[in-house]
Each structure stands twice: as structure tokens, then as C-alpha cells.
Amino acid sequence: MHISVLQKEVLKYLDPQPNENFIDCTLGDGGHSSAIIERILPQGKVLGIDWDQEVINNLKSKKQLIPVCDNFANLKEIVKKYKFQPDGILLDLGFSSRQLESEKGFSFQKDDRLDMRYNPEMVELTAEEIINRFPKSEIKRILEEYGEEKFSKRITNQIEKERKIRPIEKTTQLVEVIKKATPSWYHHQRIHFATRTFQALRIAVNNELENLKTVLPQALEVLKPSGRLVTISFHSLEDRIIKNFFKEKAKEGLLKVLTEKPIRPEKEEVEANPRSRSAKLRAVQK
């Protein structure tokens, strides 16, 4: 079961009140949205966005929830279409257990095709295409930039060698390639040795960092005056983009930063949900 990260802290900083309206830009399994809905009854609504159609299909119907299958990078258009002005916006950049369990190749612990698209109808590029067709230099850049992978050169060289023999089409094949390319001590770290490569490919396929840069100014624009924006990021690249955006807009007098330093999960939460360990919450008020 997917456990919503930093739920208590999200509610603290969003501070939902009866009859207010909120946007959950990354609906997932609806954990955060359900908790917000409990606070905004009887008239409040949550507009929940997710670009994975399966996520939308699996949601239980709630009259307070307006589910929308779209990319949050189109936030302004979505808000206009639904005539929805929010008192607060949540942007949780993690992905749910359901997506890891899907057959889209997000998990290195399953034998799936190297797809990694959240929504195949909205995204053409697949991880398989990157691995088999992109120039070696471009794959190395993706692993370095999006995965901060210290063995990017060795992994890329091994990919080049293997794909000349046969195409790398499955997650298990790619894990083997990474294992061959990296030293044995790297295989016994706290974080699985394939994590950074898989993360980098997922970010590249779905254009995640550009989508984040696109949504932040839109979120600030569509918020009601004094509305709050809460973000949860899971790696340094996302956190840096968010931190710099908040800093710049605070200087311009457009928002007030509510979290001087990012809020991290408490020890009990990390023990109950190890995947929450890298989460960082930041909050601002318009």
C-alpha cells in the first residue's frame, strides 16, 4: 500500500479550512487529497491532477474530488478549463507504489520492458529508445545530470558494448549491464546500484525537471492571494529548482517562504516507510 509522505506536515503548511479549494498536482493514490478533503468539508473541493490514466481509473469516486488526467505542466489551462481558483496547491514529486508495480519498467526489481512513460499517449520517447539509440555521450550526460551517477562513463561504455551484441529491451538486462560496469563494493550500498540510472532515465523520458520549472510560476499565478504552495521533492535536482524559484520570487516580493530549511520526515516515518527518507518539504505563501 502506498503511504503518503509527510502527510501531517502537508496539512500543517497547507492549513486547509472548511469550504476551501485545493489542487493536488500529483494525485497518485489520493492519500494527501483524502486527508485534505476531510478538512474542507462540506463545500470544499480538491482538483487532482495525474497524467497516468491508470491512477485516475483506480480512484474511488468522491464528490469533493475532481480527477483530471493531464500533465501538471498544463496547470494554468486546467484551472481555466475547470474555473477553479485554489486556496492551496500541493506538488508531491514522488511516485506511488502502484507505478513501481506497473509493467512500465520503473522498477529494477521486476522483469519488464524498458518503457518508463507515465502516460504513453502523451509521451513518445521510451527508456529503451534512449538506451539503444541515443549516442553514448548523450546517455552519459543523462546519467550524470539526472542521476548524479558517479560511474556514468563505465555504465555508458558497457551499454555501448552490450547493445552492439543485442538490444537492451528489459529492465533485468539493464540491471546486469550496470552490475558488470560497476565495482563490487558498489553493489552493497544502502541504495541499490541501479537506482541512479533508473531515476535518470525516468526523468529524461518524462521531461520531469522541465515540467517542474514550467509548473512553479503557474502555481504561484493561479493561487488566491495568501494561498499556500507546498512541494515535496525526492532528490537534489528537484529541490534545487524549487529552492531557487522560491528564493527569487521572495526577493521580488511575490511570496513569503514558510520553511527556512526543508522539512524532513521524522525517524518514525522513515522506519515505517523507508522510501520517505529522501523527502524534503518546502512551503510558501503568496
C-alpha atoms as a PDB file:
ATOM      1  CA  MET A   1       0.000   0.000   0.000  1.00  0.00           C
ATOM      2  CA  HIS A   2       1.238   3.488  -0.863  1.00  0.00           C
ATOM      3  CA  ILE A   3       1.837   5.663   2.180  1.00  0.00           C
ATOM      4  CA  SER A   4       1.561   9.411   1.595  1.00  0.00           C
ATOM      5  CA  VAL A   5       4.816  11.054   2.630  1.00  0.00           C
ATOM      6  CA  LEU A   6       4.899  13.844   5.254  1.00  0.00           C
ATOM      7  CA  GLN A   7       1.094  13.889   5.485  1.00  0.00           C
ATOM      8  CA  LYS A   8       0.991  15.578   8.899  1.00  0.00           C
ATOM      9  CA  GLU A   9       3.397  18.279   7.700  1.00  0.00           C
ATOM     10  CA  VAL A  10       1.456  18.804   4.433  1.00  0.00           C
ATOM     11  CA  LEU A  11      -1.703  19.500   6.444  1.00  0.00           C
ATOM     12  CA  LYS A  12       0.192  21.824   8.787  1.00  0.00           C
ATOM     13  CA  TYR A  13       1.581  24.018   5.997  1.00  0.00           C
ATOM     14  CA  LEU A  14      -1.393  23.896   3.610  1.00  0.00           C
ATOM     15  CA  ASP A  15      -3.668  24.545   6.598  1.00  0.00           C
ATOM     16  CA  PRO A  16      -6.912  23.505   4.835  1.00  0.00           C
ATOM     17  CA  GLN A  17     -10.080  25.049   6.302  1.00  0.00           C
ATOM     18  CA  PRO A  18     -13.784  24.164   5.774  1.00  0.00           C
ATOM     19  CA  ASN A  19     -15.103  25.066   2.294  1.00  0.00           C
ATOM     20  CA  GLU A  20     -11.688  25.944   0.816  1.00  0.00           C
ATOM     21  CA  ASN A  21     -10.478  24.548  -2.542  1.00  0.00           C
ATOM     22  CA  PHE A  22      -7.148  22.848  -3.232  1.00  0.00           C
ATOM     23  CA  ILE A  23      -5.167  21.416  -6.126  1.00  0.00           C
ATOM     24  CA  ASP A  24      -3.165  18.209  -5.767  1.00  0.00           C
ATOM     25  CA  CYS A  25      -0.865  18.321  -8.802  1.00  0.00           C
ATOM     26  CA  THR A  26       0.264  14.712  -8.360  1.00  0.00           C
ATOM     27  CA  LEU A  27      -2.795  12.779  -7.244  1.00  0.00           C
ATOM     28  CA  GLY A  28      -1.279   9.276  -7.117  1.00  0.00           C
ATOM     29  CA  ASP A  29      -3.304   7.025  -4.831  1.00  0.00           C
ATOM     30  CA  GLY A  30      -5.092  10.041  -3.378  1.00  0.00           C
ATOM     31  CA  GLY A  31      -3.675   9.819   0.167  1.00  0.00           C
ATOM     32  CA  HIS A  32      -2.911  13.519   0.534  1.00  0.00           C
ATOM     33  CA  SER A  33      -6.135  14.518  -1.231  1.00  0.00           C
ATOM     34  CA  SER A  34      -8.253  12.347   1.095  1.00  0.00           C
ATOM     35  CA  ALA A  35      -6.649  13.960   4.149  1.00  0.00           C
ATOM     36  CA  ILE A  36      -7.265  17.456   2.710  1.00  0.00           C
ATOM     37  CA  ILE A  37     -10.901  16.604   1.840  1.00  0.00           C
ATOM     38  CA  GLU A  38     -11.583  15.658   5.478  1.00  0.00           C
ATOM     39  CA  ARG A  39     -10.600  19.217   6.475  1.00  0.00           C
ATOM     40  CA  ILE A  40     -12.507  21.138   3.767  1.00  0.00           C
ATOM     41  CA  LEU A  41     -15.975  19.626   4.146  1.00  0.00           C
ATOM     42  CA  PRO A  42     -18.795  20.324   3.450  1.00  0.00           C
ATOM     43  CA  GLN A  43     -18.310  22.543   0.358  1.00  0.00           C
ATOM     44  CA  GLY A  44     -14.559  22.410  -0.357  1.00  0.00           C
ATOM     45  CA  LYS A  45     -13.157  20.558  -3.373  1.00  0.00           C
ATOM     46  CA  VAL A  46      -9.826  19.095  -4.479  1.00  0.00           C
ATOM     47  CA  LEU A  47      -8.867  19.202  -8.137  1.00  0.00           C
ATOM     48  CA  GLY A  48      -6.490  16.251  -8.503  1.00  0.00           C
ATOM     49  CA  ILE A  49      -4.145  16.014 -11.483  1.00  0.00           C
ATOM     50  CA  ASP A  50      -2.252  12.914 -12.611  1.00  0.00           C
ATOM     51  CA  TRP A  51      -1.077  12.075 -16.110  1.00  0.00           C
ATOM     52  CA  ASP A  52      -1.200   8.331 -15.502  1.00  0.00           C
ATOM     53  CA  GLN A  53      -4.648   7.237 -16.754  1.00  0.00           C
ATOM     54  CA  GLU A  54      -4.489   4.051 -14.631  1.00  0.00           C
ATOM     55  CA  VAL A  55      -4.145   6.192 -11.494  1.00  0.00           C
ATOM     56  CA  ILE A  56      -7.274   8.162 -12.432  1.00  0.00           C
ATOM     57  CA  ASN A  57      -9.191   4.946 -13.273  1.00  0.00           C
ATOM     58  CA  ASN A  58      -8.330   3.356  -9.922  1.00  0.00           C
ATOM     59  CA  LEU A  59      -9.574   6.241  -7.774  1.00  0.00           C
ATOM     60  CA  LYS A  60     -12.717   5.715  -5.771  1.00  0.00           C
ATOM     61  CA  SER A  61     -15.398   8.252  -6.620  1.00  0.00           C
ATOM     62  CA  LYS A  62     -15.718  11.172  -4.187  1.00  0.00           C
ATOM     63  CA  LYS A  63     -17.964  14.131  -4.831  1.00  0.00           C
ATOM     64  CA  GLN A  64     -15.344  16.501  -3.381  1.00  0.00           C
ATOM     65  CA  LEU A  65     -12.671  15.253  -5.820  1.00  0.00           C
ATOM     66  CA  ILE A  66     -12.327  16.406  -9.430  1.00  0.00           C
ATOM     67  CA  PRO A  67      -9.849  13.969 -11.081  1.00  0.00           C
ATOM     68  CA  VAL A  68      -8.055  15.206 -14.209  1.00  0.00           C
ATOM     69  CA  CYS A  69      -5.754  13.127 -16.417  1.00  0.00           C
ATOM     70  CA  ASP A  70      -3.180  15.633 -17.635  1.00  0.00           C
ATOM     71  CA  ASN A  71       0.376  16.839 -17.129  1.00  0.00           C
ATOM     72  CA  PHE A  72       0.678  19.351 -14.287  1.00  0.00           C
ATOM     73  CA  ALA A  73       2.845  21.452 -16.610  1.00  0.00           C
ATOM     74  CA  ASN A  74      -0.529  22.489 -18.128  1.00  0.00           C
ATOM     75  CA  LEU A  75      -1.783  23.772 -14.756  1.00  0.00           C
ATOM     76  CA  LYS A  76      -2.941  27.195 -15.965  1.00  0.00           C
ATOM     77  CA  GLU A  77      -5.022  25.673 -18.784  1.00  0.00           C
ATOM     78  CA  ILE A  78      -6.534  23.074 -16.418  1.00  0.00           C
ATOM     79  CA  VAL A  79      -7.513  25.748 -13.889  1.00  0.00           C
ATOM     80  CA  LYS A  80      -9.090  27.827 -16.646  1.00  0.00           C
ATOM     81  CA  LYS A  81     -11.000  24.846 -18.045  1.00  0.00           C
ATOM     82  CA  TYR A  82     -12.465  23.880 -14.651  1.00  0.00           C
ATOM     83  CA  LYS A  83     -12.897  27.508 -13.448  1.00  0.00           C
ATOM     84  CA  PHE A  84     -11.069  26.543 -10.283  1.00  0.00           C
ATOM     85  CA  GLN A  85      -9.135  29.010  -8.119  1.00  0.00           C
ATOM     86  CA  PRO A  86      -7.271  27.258  -5.297  1.00  0.00           C
ATOM     87  CA  ASP A  87      -6.594  28.329  -1.717  1.00  0.00           C
ATOM     88  CA  GLY A  88      -3.617  25.988  -1.762  1.00  0.00           C
ATOM     89  CA  ILE A  89      -1.602  23.744  -4.066  1.00  0.00           C
ATOM     90  CA  LEU A  90       0.350  20.557  -3.301  1.00  0.00           C
ATOM     91  CA  LEU A  91       3.134  19.306  -5.552  1.00  0.00           C
ATOM     92  CA  ASP A  92       4.406  15.902  -4.361  1.00  0.00           C
ATOM     93  CA  LEU A  93       7.081  14.803  -6.820  1.00  0.00           C
ATOM     94  CA  GLY A  94       7.328  11.212  -5.625  1.00  0.00           C
ATOM     95  CA  PHE A  95       5.681   8.354  -7.462  1.00  0.00           C
ATOM     96  CA  SER A  96       3.396   5.738  -5.980  1.00  0.00           C
ATOM     97  CA  SER A  97       3.937   2.061  -5.221  1.00  0.00           C
ATOM     98  CA  ARG A  98       1.308   1.333  -7.872  1.00  0.00           C
ATOM     99  CA  GLN A  99       3.607   2.819 -10.535  1.00  0.00           C
ATOM    100  CA  LEU A 100       6.537   0.720  -9.299  1.00  0.00           C
ATOM    101  CA  GLU A 101       4.306  -2.348  -9.535  1.00  0.00           C
ATOM    102  CA  SER A 102       3.088  -1.454 -13.035  1.00  0.00           C
ATOM    103  CA  GLU A 103       4.644  -3.090 -16.079  1.00  0.00           C
ATOM    104  CA  LYS A 104       6.196   0.138 -17.342  1.00  0.00           C
ATOM    105  CA  GLY A 105       9.777  -0.617 -16.300  1.00  0.00           C
ATOM    106  CA  PHE A 106      10.086   1.822 -13.386  1.00  0.00           C
ATOM    107  CA  SER A 107      11.351  -0.888 -11.027  1.00  0.00           C
ATOM    108  CA  PHE A 108      14.723  -2.624 -11.338  1.00  0.00           C
ATOM    109  CA  GLN A 109      13.332  -5.467  -9.200  1.00  0.00           C
ATOM    110  CA  LYS A 110      10.934  -6.692 -11.903  1.00  0.00           C
ATOM    111  CA  ASP A 111      11.436  -8.080 -15.403  1.00  0.00           C
ATOM    112  CA  ASP A 112       9.594  -5.537 -17.581  1.00  0.00           C
ATOM    113  CA  ARG A 113      10.127  -3.722 -20.850  1.00  0.00           C
ATOM    114  CA  LEU A 114      12.190  -0.533 -20.575  1.00  0.00           C
ATOM    115  CA  ASP A 115       9.318   1.876 -21.134  1.00  0.00           C
ATOM    116  CA  MET A 116       9.141   4.313 -18.158  1.00  0.00           C
ATOM    117  CA  ARG A 117       6.456   6.582 -19.644  1.00  0.00           C
ATOM    118  CA  TYR A 118       3.836   7.723 -17.128  1.00  0.00           C
ATOM    119  CA  ASN A 119       1.405   8.185 -19.999  1.00  0.00           C
ATOM    120  CA  PRO A 120       2.226   6.546 -23.376  1.00  0.00           C
ATOM    121  CA  GLU A 121      -0.394   8.727 -25.090  1.00  0.00           C
ATOM    122  CA  MET A 122       1.333  11.926 -24.009  1.00  0.00           C
ATOM    123  CA  VAL A 123       4.990  10.828 -24.225  1.00  0.00           C
ATOM    124  CA  GLU A 124       6.661   9.203 -27.245  1.00  0.00           C
ATOM    125  CA  LEU A 125      10.200   8.602 -26.009  1.00  0.00           C
ATOM    126  CA  THR A 126      10.906   5.393 -24.059  1.00  0.00           C
ATOM    127  CA  ALA A 127      13.858   4.357 -21.887  1.00  0.00           C
ATOM    128  CA  GLU A 128      14.507   1.515 -24.345  1.00  0.00           C
ATOM    129  CA  GLU A 129      14.952   4.049 -27.131  1.00  0.00           C
ATOM    130  CA  ILE A 130      17.413   6.115 -25.078  1.00  0.00           C
ATOM    131  CA  ILE A 131      19.480   3.043 -24.161  1.00  0.00           C
ATOM    132  CA  ASN A 132      19.600   1.566 -27.681  1.00  0.00           C
ATOM    133  CA  ARG A 133      19.577   4.573 -29.990  1.00  0.00           C
ATOM    134  CA  PHE A 134      20.989   7.611 -28.234  1.00  0.00           C
ATOM    135  CA  PRO A 135      24.668   8.473 -28.745  1.00  0.00           C
ATOM    136  CA  LYS A 136      26.965   7.324 -25.953  1.00  0.00           C
ATOM    137  CA  SER A 137      27.754  10.932 -24.993  1.00  0.00           C
ATOM    138  CA  GLU A 138      24.055  11.772 -24.546  1.00  0.00           C
ATOM    139  CA  ILE A 139      23.395   8.708 -22.351  1.00  0.00           C
ATOM    140  CA  LYS A 140      26.418   9.671 -20.205  1.00  0.00           C
ATOM    141  CA  ARG A 141      25.034  13.222 -19.850  1.00  0.00           C
ATOM    142  CA  ILE A 142      21.603  11.888 -18.786  1.00  0.00           C
ATOM    143  CA  LEU A 143      23.136   9.580 -16.147  1.00  0.00           C
ATOM    144  CA  GLU A 144      25.403  12.334 -14.810  1.00  0.00           C
ATOM    145  CA  GLU A 145      22.898  15.172 -14.887  1.00  0.00           C
ATOM    146  CA  TYR A 146      19.671  13.441 -13.842  1.00  0.00           C
ATOM    147  CA  GLY A 147      21.033  10.537 -11.810  1.00  0.00           C
ATOM    148  CA  GLU A 148      24.237  12.091 -10.424  1.00  0.00           C
ATOM    149  CA  GLU A 149      25.730   8.669 -11.185  1.00  0.00           C
ATOM    150  CA  LYS A 150      29.480   8.601 -10.410  1.00  0.00           C
ATOM    151  CA  PHE A 151      30.030   5.582 -12.702  1.00  0.00           C
ATOM    152  CA  SER A 152      28.193   7.083 -15.686  1.00  0.00           C
ATOM    153  CA  LYS A 153      31.178   6.661 -18.021  1.00  0.00           C
ATOM    154  CA  ARG A 154      31.686   2.983 -17.152  1.00  0.00           C
ATOM    155  CA  ILE A 155      27.963   2.226 -17.381  1.00  0.00           C
ATOM    156  CA  THR A 156      27.681   4.009 -20.735  1.00  0.00           C
ATOM    157  CA  ASN A 157      30.682   2.119 -22.140  1.00  0.00           C
ATOM    158  CA  GLN A 158      29.096  -1.168 -21.066  1.00  0.00           C
ATOM    159  CA  ILE A 159      25.752  -0.172 -22.619  1.00  0.00           C
ATOM    160  CA  GLU A 160      27.534   0.578 -25.901  1.00  0.00           C
ATOM    161  CA  LYS A 161      29.299  -2.801 -25.814  1.00  0.00           C
ATOM    162  CA  GLU A 162      26.131  -4.796 -24.971  1.00  0.00           C
ATOM    163  CA  ARG A 163      23.774  -3.092 -27.422  1.00  0.00           C
ATOM    164  CA  LYS A 164      26.110  -3.967 -30.306  1.00  0.00           C
ATOM    165  CA  ILE A 165      25.534  -7.654 -29.466  1.00  0.00           C
ATOM    166  CA  ARG A 166      21.757  -7.427 -28.884  1.00  0.00           C
ATOM    167  CA  PRO A 167      19.218  -4.734 -27.984  1.00  0.00           C
ATOM    168  CA  ILE A 168      18.750  -3.940 -24.276  1.00  0.00           C
ATOM    169  CA  GLU A 169      14.964  -4.198 -24.025  1.00  0.00           C
ATOM    170  CA  LYS A 170      14.229  -5.370 -20.474  1.00  0.00           C
ATOM    171  CA  THR A 171      14.855  -3.962 -17.005  1.00  0.00           C
ATOM    172  CA  THR A 172      16.746  -7.119 -15.952  1.00  0.00           C
ATOM    173  CA  GLN A 173      19.137  -6.738 -18.900  1.00  0.00           C
ATOM    174  CA  LEU A 174      19.908  -3.158 -17.916  1.00  0.00           C
ATOM    175  CA  VAL A 175      20.492  -4.140 -14.272  1.00  0.00           C
ATOM    176  CA  GLU A 176      23.020  -6.767 -15.465  1.00  0.00           C
ATOM    177  CA  VAL A 177      24.776  -4.167 -17.614  1.00  0.00           C
ATOM    178  CA  ILE A 178      25.051  -1.773 -14.635  1.00  0.00           C
ATOM    179  CA  LYS A 179      26.317  -4.611 -12.420  1.00  0.00           C
ATOM    180  CA  LYS A 180      29.027  -5.545 -14.928  1.00  0.00           C
ATOM    181  CA  ALA A 181      30.107  -1.931 -15.268  1.00  0.00           C
ATOM    182  CA  THR A 182      30.397  -1.053 -11.572  1.00  0.00           C
ATOM    183  CA  PRO A 183      32.781  -2.275  -8.831  1.00  0.00           C
ATOM    184  CA  SER A 184      31.550  -4.988  -6.468  1.00  0.00           C
ATOM    185  CA  TRP A 185      31.594  -2.695  -3.389  1.00  0.00           C
ATOM    186  CA  TYR A 186      29.027  -0.521  -5.184  1.00  0.00           C
ATOM    187  CA  HIS A 187      26.593  -3.456  -5.185  1.00  0.00           C
ATOM    188  CA  HIS A 188      26.337  -3.471  -1.377  1.00  0.00           C
ATOM    189  CA  GLN A 189      25.426   0.159  -0.649  1.00  0.00           C
ATOM    190  CA  ARG A 190      22.306   1.333   1.188  1.00  0.00           C
ATOM    191  CA  ILE A 191      20.886   2.460  -2.181  1.00  0.00           C
ATOM    192  CA  HIS A 192      20.617  -0.224  -4.893  1.00  0.00           C
ATOM    193  CA  PHE A 193      23.339   0.160  -7.551  1.00  0.00           C
ATOM    194  CA  ALA A 194      20.758   0.574 -10.359  1.00  0.00           C
ATOM    195  CA  THR A 195      18.740   3.303  -8.593  1.00  0.00           C
ATOM    196  CA  ARG A 196      20.511   6.327 -10.085  1.00  0.00           C
ATOM    197  CA  THR A 197      20.468   5.010 -13.653  1.00  0.00           C
ATOM    198  CA  PHE A 198      16.761   4.156 -13.474  1.00  0.00           C
ATOM    199  CA  GLN A 199      15.996   7.542 -11.902  1.00  0.00           C
ATOM    200  CA  ALA A 200      17.932   9.356 -14.631  1.00  0.00           C
ATOM    201  CA  LEU A 201      16.121   7.510 -17.427  1.00  0.00           C
ATOM    202  CA  ARG A 202      12.692   8.121 -15.860  1.00  0.00           C
ATOM    203  CA  ILE A 203      13.418  11.855 -15.551  1.00  0.00           C
ATOM    204  CA  ALA A 204      14.664  12.050 -19.150  1.00  0.00           C
ATOM    205  CA  VAL A 205      11.732  10.075 -20.609  1.00  0.00           C
ATOM    206  CA  ASN A 206       9.075  12.151 -18.840  1.00  0.00           C
ATOM    207  CA  ASN A 207      10.888  15.506 -19.040  1.00  0.00           C
ATOM    208  CA  GLU A 208      10.354  15.825 -15.288  1.00  0.00           C
ATOM    209  CA  LEU A 209      12.689  18.710 -14.475  1.00  0.00           C
ATOM    210  CA  GLU A 210      11.376  20.895 -17.304  1.00  0.00           C
ATOM    211  CA  ASN A 211       7.808  20.137 -16.201  1.00  0.00           C
ATOM    212  CA  LEU A 212       8.720  21.264 -12.676  1.00  0.00           C
ATOM    213  CA  LYS A 213      10.265  24.511 -13.956  1.00  0.00           C
ATOM    214  CA  THR A 214       7.097  25.088 -16.012  1.00  0.00           C
ATOM    215  CA  VAL A 215       4.557  24.448 -13.233  1.00  0.00           C
ATOM    216  CA  LEU A 216       6.085  26.553 -10.425  1.00  0.00           C
ATOM    217  CA  PRO A 217       5.347  30.028 -11.890  1.00  0.00           C
ATOM    218  CA  GLN A 218       1.884  28.834 -12.974  1.00  0.00           C
ATOM    219  CA  ALA A 219       1.126  27.588  -9.450  1.00  0.00           C
ATOM    220  CA  LEU A 220       2.042  30.955  -7.978  1.00  0.00           C
ATOM    221  CA  GLU A 221      -0.059  32.757 -10.572  1.00  0.00           C
ATOM    222  CA  VAL A 222      -3.266  30.714 -10.109  1.00  0.00           C
ATOM    223  CA  LEU A 223      -3.192  30.715  -6.283  1.00  0.00           C
ATOM    224  CA  LYS A 224      -5.584  33.013  -4.448  1.00  0.00           C
ATOM    225  CA  PRO A 225      -3.917  35.887  -2.548  1.00  0.00           C
ATOM    226  CA  SER A 226      -2.448  34.473   0.713  1.00  0.00           C
ATOM    227  CA  GLY A 227      -2.774  30.955  -0.789  1.00  0.00           C
ATOM    228  CA  ARG A 228      -0.108  28.382   0.040  1.00  0.00           C
ATOM    229  CA  LEU A 229       2.082  26.207  -2.144  1.00  0.00           C
ATOM    230  CA  VAL A 230       3.649  23.083  -0.620  1.00  0.00           C
ATOM    231  CA  THR A 231       6.217  20.983  -2.501  1.00  0.00           C
ATOM    232  CA  ILE A 232       7.751  17.597  -1.686  1.00  0.00           C
ATOM    233  CA  SER A 233      10.862  16.655  -3.648  1.00  0.00           C
ATOM    234  CA  PHE A 234      12.927  13.474  -3.518  1.00  0.00           C
ATOM    235  CA  HIS A 235      16.299  14.373  -4.978  1.00  0.00           C
ATOM    236  CA  SER A 236      18.676  17.309  -5.009  1.00  0.00           C
ATOM    237  CA  LEU A 237      17.950  18.351  -8.614  1.00  0.00           C
ATOM    238  CA  GLU A 238      14.245  18.935  -7.894  1.00  0.00           C
ATOM    239  CA  ASP A 239      14.946  20.560  -4.535  1.00  0.00           C
ATOM    240  CA  ARG A 240      17.456  22.980  -6.086  1.00  0.00           C
ATOM    241  CA  ILE A 241      14.939  24.102  -8.737  1.00  0.00           C
ATOM    242  CA  ILE A 242      12.252  24.668  -6.079  1.00  0.00           C
ATOM    243  CA  LYS A 243      14.588  26.404  -3.610  1.00  0.00           C
ATOM    244  CA  ASN A 244      15.944  28.790  -6.262  1.00  0.00           C
ATOM    245  CA  PHE A 245      12.463  29.610  -7.571  1.00  0.00           C
ATOM    246  CA  PHE A 246      11.152  30.374  -4.068  1.00  0.00           C
ATOM    247  CA  LYS A 247      14.231  32.473  -3.264  1.00  0.00           C
ATOM    248  CA  GLU A 248      13.924  34.512  -6.461  1.00  0.00           C
ATOM    249  CA  LYS A 249      10.171  35.152  -6.065  1.00  0.00           C
ATOM    250  CA  ALA A 250      10.601  36.046  -2.365  1.00  0.00           C
ATOM    251  CA  LYS A 251      13.144  38.710  -3.421  1.00  0.00           C
ATOM    252  CA  GLU A 252      10.560  40.048  -5.870  1.00  0.00           C
ATOM    253  CA  GLY A 253       8.052  40.246  -3.016  1.00  0.00           C
ATOM    254  CA  LEU A 254       5.670  37.744  -4.648  1.00  0.00           C
ATOM    255  CA  LEU A 255       5.761  35.155  -1.884  1.00  0.00           C
ATOM    256  CA  LYS A 256       6.784  34.552   1.705  1.00  0.00           C
ATOM    257  CA  VAL A 257       8.883  31.476   2.496  1.00  0.00           C
ATOM    258  CA  LEU A 258       7.335  29.488   5.376  1.00  0.00           C
ATOM    259  CA  THR A 259      10.123  26.898   5.682  1.00  0.00           C
ATOM    260  CA  GLU A 260      13.613  28.371   6.047  1.00  0.00           C
ATOM    261  CA  LYS A 261      15.076  24.889   5.729  1.00  0.00           C
ATOM    262  CA  PRO A 262      13.355  21.905   4.103  1.00  0.00           C
ATOM    263  CA  ILE A 263      11.219  19.766   6.430  1.00  0.00           C
ATOM    264  CA  ARG A 264      12.362  16.135   6.587  1.00  0.00           C
ATOM    265  CA  PRO A 265      10.368  13.071   7.713  1.00  0.00           C
ATOM    266  CA  GLU A 266      10.649  12.109  11.367  1.00  0.00           C
ATOM    267  CA  LYS A 267      12.533   8.954  12.319  1.00  0.00           C
ATOM    268  CA  GLU A 268       9.280   7.011  12.923  1.00  0.00           C
ATOM    269  CA  GLU A 269       8.026   7.800   9.412  1.00  0.00           C
ATOM    270  CA  VAL A 270      11.284   6.692   7.770  1.00  0.00           C
ATOM    271  CA  GLU A 271      11.182   3.421   9.752  1.00  0.00           C
ATOM    272  CA  ALA A 272       7.567   2.807   8.669  1.00  0.00           C
ATOM    273  CA  ASN A 273       8.180   3.916   5.073  1.00  0.00           C
ATOM    274  CA  PRO A 274      11.906   3.764   4.083  1.00  0.00           C
ATOM    275  CA  ARG A 275      11.170   5.398   0.703  1.00  0.00           C
ATOM    276  CA  SER A 276      10.294   8.624   2.541  1.00  0.00           C
ATOM    277  CA  ARG A 277      13.896   9.062   3.749  1.00  0.00           C
ATOM    278  CA  SER A 278      14.928  11.436   0.946  1.00  0.00           C
ATOM    279  CA  ALA A 279      11.758  13.591   1.009  1.00  0.00           C
ATOM    280  CA  LYS A 280      12.092  17.358   1.504  1.00  0.00           C
ATOM    281  CA  LEU A 281       9.078  19.592   2.056  1.00  0.00           C
ATOM    282  CA  ARG A 282       9.146  23.324   1.318  1.00  0.00           C
ATOM    283  CA  ALA A 283       6.226  25.731   1.720  1.00  0.00           C
ATOM    284  CA  VAL A 284       5.481  29.318   0.674  1.00  0.00           C
ATOM    285  CA  GLN A 285       2.566  31.741   0.908  1.00  0.00           C
ATOM    286  CA  LYS A 286       1.552  34.061  -1.926  1.00  0.00           C
END
